[in-house]
N, C-alpha and C. Protein backbone atom coordinates (compact mmCIF):
# COMPACT_ATOMS: atom_id res chain seq x y z
N THR A 1 0.83 -1.19 0.00
CA THR A 1 0.00 0.00 0.00
C THR A 1 0.88 1.25 0.00
N LEU A 2 0.26 2.39 -0.22
CA LEU A 2 1.01 3.65 -0.21
C LEU A 2 1.58 3.96 1.17
N ASN A 3 0.84 3.60 2.22
CA ASN A 3 1.34 3.85 3.58
C ASN A 3 2.59 3.02 3.86
N THR A 4 2.56 1.75 3.47
CA THR A 4 3.73 0.90 3.66
C THR A 4 4.91 1.45 2.88
N ALA A 5 4.67 1.83 1.63
CA ALA A 5 5.74 2.39 0.80
C ALA A 5 6.33 3.65 1.43
N ALA A 6 5.48 4.48 2.02
CA ALA A 6 5.96 5.71 2.66
C ALA A 6 6.85 5.39 3.86
N PHE A 7 6.45 4.42 4.67
CA PHE A 7 7.27 4.03 5.83
C PHE A 7 8.59 3.42 5.38
N VAL A 8 8.56 2.57 4.36
CA VAL A 8 9.79 1.94 3.86
C VAL A 8 10.73 3.01 3.31
N ALA A 9 10.20 3.94 2.54
CA ALA A 9 11.03 5.02 1.99
C ALA A 9 11.65 5.85 3.11
N LEU A 10 10.86 6.18 4.11
CA LEU A 10 11.38 6.96 5.24
C LEU A 10 12.45 6.16 5.98
N PHE A 11 12.24 4.87 6.14
CA PHE A 11 13.24 4.03 6.79
C PHE A 11 14.59 4.13 6.07
N HIS A 12 14.56 4.09 4.74
CA HIS A 12 15.80 4.17 3.97
C HIS A 12 16.45 5.56 4.11
N VAL A 13 15.64 6.60 4.12
CA VAL A 13 16.17 7.95 4.32
C VAL A 13 16.82 8.07 5.70
N LEU A 14 16.13 7.59 6.72
CA LEU A 14 16.67 7.66 8.08
C LEU A 14 17.91 6.79 8.25
N SER A 15 17.93 5.63 7.59
CA SER A 15 19.10 4.75 7.65
C SER A 15 20.32 5.43 7.06
N GLU A 16 20.13 6.07 5.92
CA GLU A 16 21.25 6.77 5.28
C GLU A 16 21.69 7.98 6.11
N THR A 17 20.74 8.66 6.68
CA THR A 17 21.05 9.79 7.56
C THR A 17 21.88 9.33 8.75
N TYR A 18 21.49 8.21 9.34
CA TYR A 18 22.23 7.65 10.48
C TYR A 18 23.62 7.20 10.05
N ARG A 19 23.70 6.56 8.88
CA ARG A 19 24.99 6.09 8.37
C ARG A 19 25.96 7.26 8.17
N GLN A 20 25.43 8.39 7.73
CA GLN A 20 26.26 9.56 7.49
C GLN A 20 26.49 10.40 8.75
N LYS A 21 25.97 9.91 9.87
CA LYS A 21 26.13 10.57 11.17
C LYS A 21 25.56 12.00 11.18
N GLN A 22 24.46 12.19 10.47
CA GLN A 22 23.79 13.50 10.48
C GLN A 22 22.80 13.53 11.64
N LYS A 23 22.55 14.72 12.15
CA LYS A 23 21.63 14.89 13.29
C LYS A 23 20.71 16.07 13.03
N ARG A 24 19.60 16.08 13.78
CA ARG A 24 18.64 17.19 13.78
C ARG A 24 18.11 17.49 12.38
N ILE A 25 17.61 16.49 11.69
CA ILE A 25 17.05 16.70 10.36
C ILE A 25 15.56 17.03 10.46
N HIS A 26 15.04 17.60 9.40
CA HIS A 26 13.63 17.95 9.30
C HIS A 26 13.01 17.04 8.24
N ILE A 27 11.89 16.41 8.58
CA ILE A 27 11.21 15.51 7.65
C ILE A 27 9.96 16.20 7.13
N ALA A 28 9.85 16.28 5.81
CA ALA A 28 8.65 16.80 5.14
C ALA A 28 8.11 15.67 4.27
N GLU A 29 6.88 15.29 4.50
CA GLU A 29 6.29 14.11 3.85
C GLU A 29 4.84 14.41 3.51
N ASP A 30 4.35 13.80 2.43
CA ASP A 30 2.95 14.04 2.04
C ASP A 30 2.00 12.95 2.51
N ASN A 31 2.48 12.05 3.35
CA ASN A 31 1.64 10.98 3.88
C ASN A 31 1.19 11.37 5.30
N ALA A 32 -0.08 11.72 5.42
CA ALA A 32 -0.60 12.22 6.70
C ALA A 32 -0.51 11.17 7.81
N LEU A 33 -0.80 9.91 7.49
CA LEU A 33 -0.75 8.86 8.51
C LEU A 33 0.65 8.74 9.08
N LEU A 34 1.65 8.75 8.22
CA LEU A 34 3.04 8.61 8.66
C LEU A 34 3.44 9.79 9.55
N ILE A 35 3.18 11.00 9.10
CA ILE A 35 3.55 12.18 9.88
C ILE A 35 2.83 12.21 11.22
N ARG A 36 1.54 11.95 11.20
CA ARG A 36 0.74 11.97 12.44
C ARG A 36 1.24 10.92 13.42
N ALA A 37 1.49 9.71 12.94
CA ALA A 37 1.92 8.62 13.81
C ALA A 37 3.30 8.88 14.42
N LEU A 38 4.25 9.28 13.59
CA LEU A 38 5.61 9.47 14.09
C LEU A 38 5.73 10.72 14.96
N ALA A 39 5.05 11.79 14.60
CA ALA A 39 5.12 13.01 15.41
C ALA A 39 4.48 12.80 16.78
N ALA A 40 3.38 12.06 16.82
CA ALA A 40 2.69 11.82 18.09
C ALA A 40 3.19 10.57 18.82
N ARG A 41 4.11 9.85 18.17
CA ARG A 41 4.64 8.59 18.73
C ARG A 41 3.53 7.59 19.01
N THR A 42 2.55 7.56 18.11
CA THR A 42 1.41 6.65 18.22
C THR A 42 1.46 5.64 17.09
N PRO A 43 1.69 4.37 17.38
CA PRO A 43 1.79 3.38 16.30
C PRO A 43 0.47 3.17 15.58
N PRO A 44 0.54 2.90 14.28
CA PRO A 44 -0.68 2.60 13.52
C PRO A 44 -1.31 1.28 13.99
N LYS A 45 -2.56 1.06 13.63
CA LYS A 45 -3.26 -0.17 14.03
C LYS A 45 -2.78 -1.39 13.25
N SER A 46 -2.43 -1.19 12.00
CA SER A 46 -1.99 -2.28 11.14
C SER A 46 -0.68 -2.89 11.65
N THR A 47 -0.64 -4.21 11.74
CA THR A 47 0.57 -4.90 12.22
C THR A 47 1.77 -4.59 11.34
N ARG A 48 1.56 -4.65 10.03
CA ARG A 48 2.67 -4.39 9.09
C ARG A 48 3.19 -2.97 9.25
N LEU A 49 2.27 -2.02 9.34
CA LEU A 49 2.70 -0.62 9.51
C LEU A 49 3.36 -0.40 10.86
N ARG A 50 2.88 -1.11 11.88
CA ARG A 50 3.46 -0.96 13.22
C ARG A 50 4.92 -1.41 13.23
N ILE A 51 5.23 -2.46 12.49
CA ILE A 51 6.62 -2.93 12.39
C ILE A 51 7.51 -1.85 11.79
N TRP A 52 7.04 -1.26 10.67
CA TRP A 52 7.82 -0.19 10.02
C TRP A 52 7.85 1.06 10.88
N PHE A 53 6.76 1.35 11.58
CA PHE A 53 6.72 2.49 12.50
C PHE A 53 7.82 2.35 13.55
N ASN A 54 7.93 1.18 14.16
CA ASN A 54 8.94 0.97 15.21
C ASN A 54 10.35 1.14 14.67
N LYS A 55 10.60 0.61 13.47
CA LYS A 55 11.94 0.76 12.87
C LYS A 55 12.24 2.23 12.61
N CYS A 56 11.28 2.94 12.04
CA CYS A 56 11.47 4.36 11.73
C CYS A 56 11.61 5.18 13.01
N ARG A 57 10.80 4.88 14.02
CA ARG A 57 10.83 5.64 15.26
C ARG A 57 12.19 5.50 15.94
N GLN A 58 12.76 4.27 15.94
CA GLN A 58 14.07 4.06 16.54
C GLN A 58 15.14 4.89 15.83
N LEU A 59 15.12 4.85 14.49
CA LEU A 59 16.11 5.62 13.74
C LEU A 59 15.87 7.12 13.90
N ALA A 60 14.62 7.54 13.92
CA ALA A 60 14.30 8.96 14.09
C ALA A 60 14.85 9.47 15.43
N ASP A 61 14.76 8.65 16.46
CA ASP A 61 15.31 9.04 17.75
C ASP A 61 16.83 9.10 17.71
N LYS A 62 17.45 8.17 16.98
CA LYS A 62 18.92 8.17 16.89
C LYS A 62 19.44 9.40 16.15
N VAL A 63 18.75 9.81 15.10
CA VAL A 63 19.21 10.99 14.34
C VAL A 63 18.58 12.28 14.87
N ARG A 64 17.73 12.15 15.87
CA ARG A 64 17.08 13.29 16.52
C ARG A 64 16.35 14.17 15.50
N VAL A 65 15.32 13.60 14.90
CA VAL A 65 14.50 14.37 13.95
C VAL A 65 13.99 15.62 14.65
N ALA A 66 14.23 16.77 14.03
CA ALA A 66 13.86 18.06 14.64
C ALA A 66 12.40 18.40 14.44
N SER A 67 11.85 18.03 13.28
CA SER A 67 10.45 18.35 13.02
C SER A 67 9.85 17.39 12.00
N TRP A 68 8.54 17.24 12.10
CA TRP A 68 7.75 16.43 11.17
C TRP A 68 6.74 17.37 10.52
N THR A 69 6.82 17.53 9.21
CA THR A 69 5.94 18.46 8.51
C THR A 69 5.13 17.73 7.46
N LEU A 70 3.83 17.95 7.48
CA LEU A 70 2.96 17.40 6.44
C LEU A 70 3.01 18.31 5.24
N LEU A 71 3.48 17.77 4.13
CA LEU A 71 3.61 18.52 2.88
C LEU A 71 2.43 18.15 1.99
N PRO A 72 1.63 19.12 1.57
CA PRO A 72 0.50 18.79 0.70
C PRO A 72 0.97 18.09 -0.58
N ARG A 73 0.29 17.04 -0.95
CA ARG A 73 0.69 16.27 -2.12
C ARG A 73 0.75 17.14 -3.38
N THR A 74 -0.13 18.11 -3.47
CA THR A 74 -0.14 18.99 -4.65
C THR A 74 1.14 19.82 -4.74
N ALA A 75 1.81 20.05 -3.62
CA ALA A 75 3.05 20.82 -3.61
C ALA A 75 4.28 19.94 -3.80
N ASN A 76 4.08 18.65 -3.86
CA ASN A 76 5.19 17.71 -3.95
C ASN A 76 5.21 17.08 -5.34
N ALA A 77 5.74 17.79 -6.32
CA ALA A 77 5.71 17.35 -7.71
C ALA A 77 6.45 16.03 -7.91
N SER A 78 7.58 15.84 -7.24
CA SER A 78 8.34 14.61 -7.43
C SER A 78 7.57 13.40 -6.92
N SER A 79 6.85 13.54 -5.81
CA SER A 79 6.08 12.40 -5.31
C SER A 79 4.92 12.09 -6.23
N ARG A 80 4.32 13.12 -6.82
CA ARG A 80 3.22 12.89 -7.76
C ARG A 80 3.70 12.11 -8.97
N SER A 81 4.85 12.50 -9.52
CA SER A 81 5.35 11.81 -10.71
C SER A 81 5.79 10.39 -10.38
N LEU A 82 6.38 10.18 -9.21
CA LEU A 82 6.78 8.82 -8.81
C LEU A 82 5.56 7.95 -8.56
N ALA A 83 4.54 8.50 -7.93
CA ALA A 83 3.31 7.74 -7.69
C ALA A 83 2.65 7.36 -9.00
N GLN A 84 2.65 8.28 -9.95
CA GLN A 84 2.07 7.99 -11.26
C GLN A 84 2.87 6.91 -11.97
N LEU A 85 4.18 6.99 -11.91
CA LEU A 85 5.03 5.98 -12.53
C LEU A 85 4.79 4.61 -11.91
N ALA A 86 4.64 4.57 -10.59
CA ALA A 86 4.41 3.30 -9.89
C ALA A 86 3.10 2.66 -10.31
N THR A 87 2.09 3.46 -10.54
CA THR A 87 0.79 2.90 -10.93
C THR A 87 0.78 2.45 -12.38
N GLU A 88 1.69 2.99 -13.20
CA GLU A 88 1.74 2.63 -14.62
C GLU A 88 2.56 1.37 -14.87
N THR A 89 3.41 0.98 -13.93
CA THR A 89 4.28 -0.19 -14.16
C THR A 89 3.81 -1.39 -13.39
């Protein structure tokens, strides 16, 4: 699902951030469930999403995410084109 894909993508971003020893990053994402869950530290109900939530939350704490911002999908041109490409293939 799109929610799972968003958590997996964030996990990879946070993993690379941790690998590069970066700290205090700002996350801007167009997935409301992901932003709401991670900012409030409230795991999703879905078991699969909860697993990815826990992985992301641990890495987010390690890199000390400074802020979680919900970015409107209409303002995120790259995500729109990637989502369209994913549905076409």
